[in-house]
Amino acid sequence: QVQLVESGGGLVQAGGSLRLSCAASGSIFSINTMGWYRQPPGKQREYVATITSGGTANYRDSVKDRFTVSRDNAKNTVYLQMSSLKPEDTAVYYCNADVVNTARAYFVVWGQGTQVTVSS
């Protein structure tokens, strides 16, 4: 079994910064792409950013130049540094990972979500 545990959410004023972390644990053989998604109030979950095991990052347009995704492969952890936060960034943020477990089975695993609230 593989789990993702997120941390780092909270309440911040517009223009502020937060750093989210997501650590994978369990019967992990390898992790390919890791990423972040969010679900704003009353809306569907949406893509935020992803990063491959080789470090290639991609972002949704609205967060480019404000958010940075990174990962520590040795720790099976992905981070999301969020700066210049806006009220429209308010959402539950979920991390996601493409995992191959020790039985060589492939899974897409989701974290439990962490709330980010940006006040105006």
C-alpha atoms as a PDB file:
ATOM      1  CA  GLN A   1       0.000   0.000   0.000  1.00  0.00           C
ATOM      2  CA  VAL A   2       1.209   3.498  -0.869  1.00  0.00           C
ATOM      3  CA  GLN A   3       0.063   6.682   0.835  1.00  0.00           C
ATOM      4  CA  LEU A   4       0.547  10.388   0.171  1.00  0.00           C
ATOM      5  CA  VAL A   5       0.473  12.774   3.115  1.00  0.00           C
ATOM      6  CA  GLU A   6       0.237  16.503   2.477  1.00  0.00           C
ATOM      7  CA  SER A   7       1.122  19.359   4.776  1.00  0.00           C
ATOM      8  CA  GLY A   8       1.613  23.098   4.697  1.00  0.00           C
ATOM      9  CA  GLY A   9      -1.807  24.512   3.926  1.00  0.00           C
ATOM     10  CA  GLY A  10      -3.369  27.361   5.834  1.00  0.00           C
ATOM     11  CA  LEU A  11      -4.685  30.903   5.753  1.00  0.00           C
ATOM     12  CA  VAL A  12      -2.624  33.638   4.139  1.00  0.00           C
ATOM     13  CA  GLN A  13      -3.241  37.187   2.968  1.00  0.00           C
ATOM     14  CA  ALA A  14      -3.194  38.053  -0.702  1.00  0.00           C
ATOM     15  CA  GLY A  15       0.364  38.551  -1.885  1.00  0.00           C
ATOM     16  CA  GLY A  16       1.699  36.095   0.666  1.00  0.00           C
ATOM     17  CA  SER A  17       3.408  32.744   0.271  1.00  0.00           C
ATOM     18  CA  LEU A  18       2.902  29.154   1.339  1.00  0.00           C
ATOM     19  CA  ARG A  19       4.822  25.962   0.771  1.00  0.00           C
ATOM     20  CA  LEU A  20       3.018  22.655   0.444  1.00  0.00           C
ATOM     21  CA  SER A  21       4.719  19.308   0.934  1.00  0.00           C
ATOM     22  CA  CYS A  22       3.578  15.831   0.008  1.00  0.00           C
ATOM     23  CA  ALA A  23       5.445  12.724   1.112  1.00  0.00           C
ATOM     24  CA  ALA A  24       4.865   9.267  -0.309  1.00  0.00           C
ATOM     25  CA  SER A  25       5.352   6.201   1.834  1.00  0.00           C
ATOM     26  CA  GLY A  26       4.741   2.480   1.653  1.00  0.00           C
ATOM     27  CA  SER A  27       5.720  -0.282  -0.741  1.00  0.00           C
ATOM     28  CA  ILE A  28       7.283   1.945  -3.376  1.00  0.00           C
ATOM     29  CA  PHE A  29       9.466   0.679  -6.191  1.00  0.00           C
ATOM     30  CA  SER A  30       9.482   3.901  -8.176  1.00  0.00           C
ATOM     31  CA  ILE A  31       7.529   7.121  -8.624  1.00  0.00           C
ATOM     32  CA  ASN A  32       7.161   8.682 -12.031  1.00  0.00           C
ATOM     33  CA  THR A  33       5.269  11.959 -12.348  1.00  0.00           C
ATOM     34  CA  MET A  34       4.163  13.746  -9.174  1.00  0.00           C
ATOM     35  CA  GLY A  35       1.877  16.707  -9.161  1.00  0.00           C
ATOM     36  CA  TRP A  36      -0.581  19.051  -7.577  1.00  0.00           C
ATOM     37  CA  TYR A  37      -4.243  19.619  -8.303  1.00  0.00           C
ATOM     38  CA  ARG A  38      -6.761  21.852  -6.583  1.00  0.00           C
ATOM     39  CA  GLN A  39     -10.478  22.114  -6.107  1.00  0.00           C
ATOM     40  CA  PRO A  40     -11.797  25.638  -5.599  1.00  0.00           C
ATOM     41  CA  PRO A  41     -15.069  26.061  -3.689  1.00  0.00           C
ATOM     42  CA  GLY A  42     -17.992  24.950  -5.828  1.00  0.00           C
ATOM     43  CA  LYS A  43     -15.788  23.936  -8.753  1.00  0.00           C
ATOM     44  CA  GLN A  44     -14.244  20.803 -10.171  1.00  0.00           C
ATOM     45  CA  ARG A  45     -10.745  19.659  -9.421  1.00  0.00           C
ATOM     46  CA  GLU A  46      -8.172  21.247 -11.729  1.00  0.00           C
ATOM     47  CA  TYR A  47      -4.584  20.707 -12.670  1.00  0.00           C
ATOM     48  CA  VAL A  48      -1.969  22.974 -11.073  1.00  0.00           C
ATOM     49  CA  ALA A  49       1.504  21.584 -11.770  1.00  0.00           C
ATOM     50  CA  THR A  50       3.398  18.369 -12.382  1.00  0.00           C
ATOM     51  CA  ILE A  51       7.024  17.308 -12.282  1.00  0.00           C
ATOM     52  CA  THR A  52       8.609  14.209 -13.747  1.00  0.00           C
ATOM     53  CA  SER A  53      11.186  12.064 -11.999  1.00  0.00           C
ATOM     54  CA  GLY A  54      13.768  13.783 -14.171  1.00  0.00           C
ATOM     55  CA  GLY A  55      12.690  17.210 -12.990  1.00  0.00           C
ATOM     56  CA  THR A  56      10.675  18.495 -15.941  1.00  0.00           C
ATOM     57  CA  ALA A  57       7.922  20.762 -14.605  1.00  0.00           C
ATOM     58  CA  ASN A  58       4.709  21.980 -16.164  1.00  0.00           C
ATOM     59  CA  TYR A  59       2.168  24.485 -14.862  1.00  0.00           C
ATOM     60  CA  ARG A  60      -1.325  25.742 -15.541  1.00  0.00           C
ATOM     61  CA  ASP A  61      -1.125  29.189 -17.084  1.00  0.00           C
ATOM     62  CA  SER A  62      -2.667  31.037 -14.136  1.00  0.00           C
ATOM     63  CA  VAL A  63       0.098  29.961 -11.733  1.00  0.00           C
ATOM     64  CA  LYS A  64       3.139  30.262 -13.980  1.00  0.00           C
ATOM     65  CA  ASP A  65       5.739  32.654 -12.550  1.00  0.00           C
ATOM     66  CA  ARG A  66       4.060  32.445  -9.118  1.00  0.00           C
ATOM     67  CA  PHE A  67       4.223  28.738  -8.201  1.00  0.00           C
ATOM     68  CA  THR A  68       7.210  26.418  -8.297  1.00  0.00           C
ATOM     69  CA  VAL A  69       6.963  22.634  -8.139  1.00  0.00           C
ATOM     70  CA  SER A  70       9.985  20.616  -7.026  1.00  0.00           C
ATOM     71  CA  ARG A  71      10.723  17.161  -5.679  1.00  0.00           C
ATOM     72  CA  ASP A  72      13.227  15.240  -3.629  1.00  0.00           C
ATOM     73  CA  ASN A  73      13.400  11.783  -5.151  1.00  0.00           C
ATOM     74  CA  ALA A  74      15.405  10.392  -2.234  1.00  0.00           C
ATOM     75  CA  LYS A  75      12.578  11.373   0.110  1.00  0.00           C
ATOM     76  CA  ASN A  76       9.719  10.569  -2.295  1.00  0.00           C
ATOM     77  CA  THR A  77       8.452  14.079  -1.641  1.00  0.00           C
ATOM     78  CA  VAL A  78       7.010  16.763  -3.874  1.00  0.00           C
ATOM     79  CA  TYR A  79       6.723  20.433  -2.953  1.00  0.00           C
ATOM     80  CA  LEU A  80       4.701  23.374  -4.200  1.00  0.00           C
ATOM     81  CA  GLN A  81       6.085  26.800  -3.395  1.00  0.00           C
ATOM     82  CA  MET A  82       3.290  29.321  -3.875  1.00  0.00           C
ATOM     83  CA  SER A  83       4.048  33.038  -3.994  1.00  0.00           C
ATOM     84  CA  SER A  84       2.054  36.169  -4.801  1.00  0.00           C
ATOM     85  CA  LEU A  85      -1.052  34.295  -3.764  1.00  0.00           C
ATOM     86  CA  LYS A  86      -4.433  35.567  -4.909  1.00  0.00           C
ATOM     87  CA  PRO A  87      -7.912  34.983  -3.485  1.00  0.00           C
ATOM     88  CA  GLU A  88      -8.697  32.877  -6.563  1.00  0.00           C
ATOM     89  CA  ASP A  89      -5.977  30.427  -5.457  1.00  0.00           C
ATOM     90  CA  THR A  90      -8.227  29.451  -2.544  1.00  0.00           C
ATOM     91  CA  ALA A  91      -8.899  25.727  -2.835  1.00  0.00           C
ATOM     92  CA  VAL A  92      -8.251  22.309  -1.401  1.00  0.00           C
ATOM     93  CA  TYR A  93      -4.902  21.244  -2.826  1.00  0.00           C
ATOM     94  CA  TYR A  94      -4.269  17.577  -3.577  1.00  0.00           C
ATOM     95  CA  CYS A  95      -1.026  15.890  -4.468  1.00  0.00           C
ATOM     96  CA  ASN A  96      -0.890  13.027  -6.899  1.00  0.00           C
ATOM     97  CA  ALA A  97       1.718  10.463  -7.866  1.00  0.00           C
ATOM     98  CA  ASP A  98       2.170   7.783 -10.520  1.00  0.00           C
ATOM     99  CA  VAL A  99       3.591   4.936  -8.445  1.00  0.00           C
ATOM    100  CA  VAL A 100       4.998   1.506  -9.229  1.00  0.00           C
ATOM    101  CA  ASN A 101       4.928  -0.602  -6.086  1.00  0.00           C
ATOM    102  CA  THR A 102       7.271  -3.375  -5.054  1.00  0.00           C
ATOM    103  CA  ALA A 103       5.028  -5.910  -6.786  1.00  0.00           C
ATOM    104  CA  ARG A 104       5.546  -3.897  -9.978  1.00  0.00           C
ATOM    105  CA  ALA A 105       1.916  -2.844 -10.067  1.00  0.00           C
ATOM    106  CA  TYR A 106       1.087   0.667 -11.264  1.00  0.00           C
ATOM    107  CA  PHE A 107      -1.135   2.995  -9.263  1.00  0.00           C
ATOM    108  CA  VAL A 108      -2.259   6.583  -9.376  1.00  0.00           C
ATOM    109  CA  VAL A 109      -2.312   7.695  -5.760  1.00  0.00           C
ATOM    110  CA  TRP A 110      -3.938  10.794  -4.279  1.00  0.00           C
ATOM    111  CA  GLY A 111      -3.345  12.606  -1.039  1.00  0.00           C
ATOM    112  CA  GLN A 112      -6.110  13.584   1.345  1.00  0.00           C
ATOM    113  CA  GLY A 113      -5.973  17.270   0.466  1.00  0.00           C
ATOM    114  CA  THR A 114      -4.918  20.377   2.336  1.00  0.00           C
ATOM    115  CA  GLN A 115      -6.877  23.629   2.512  1.00  0.00           C
ATOM    116  CA  VAL A 116      -5.331  26.843   1.238  1.00  0.00           C
ATOM    117  CA  THR A 117      -7.291  30.019   1.905  1.00  0.00           C
ATOM    118  CA  VAL A 118      -6.148  33.384   0.570  1.00  0.00           C
ATOM    119  CA  SER A 119      -7.855  36.420   2.060  1.00  0.00           C
ATOM    120  CA  SER A 120      -8.178  39.690   0.201  1.00  0.00           C
END
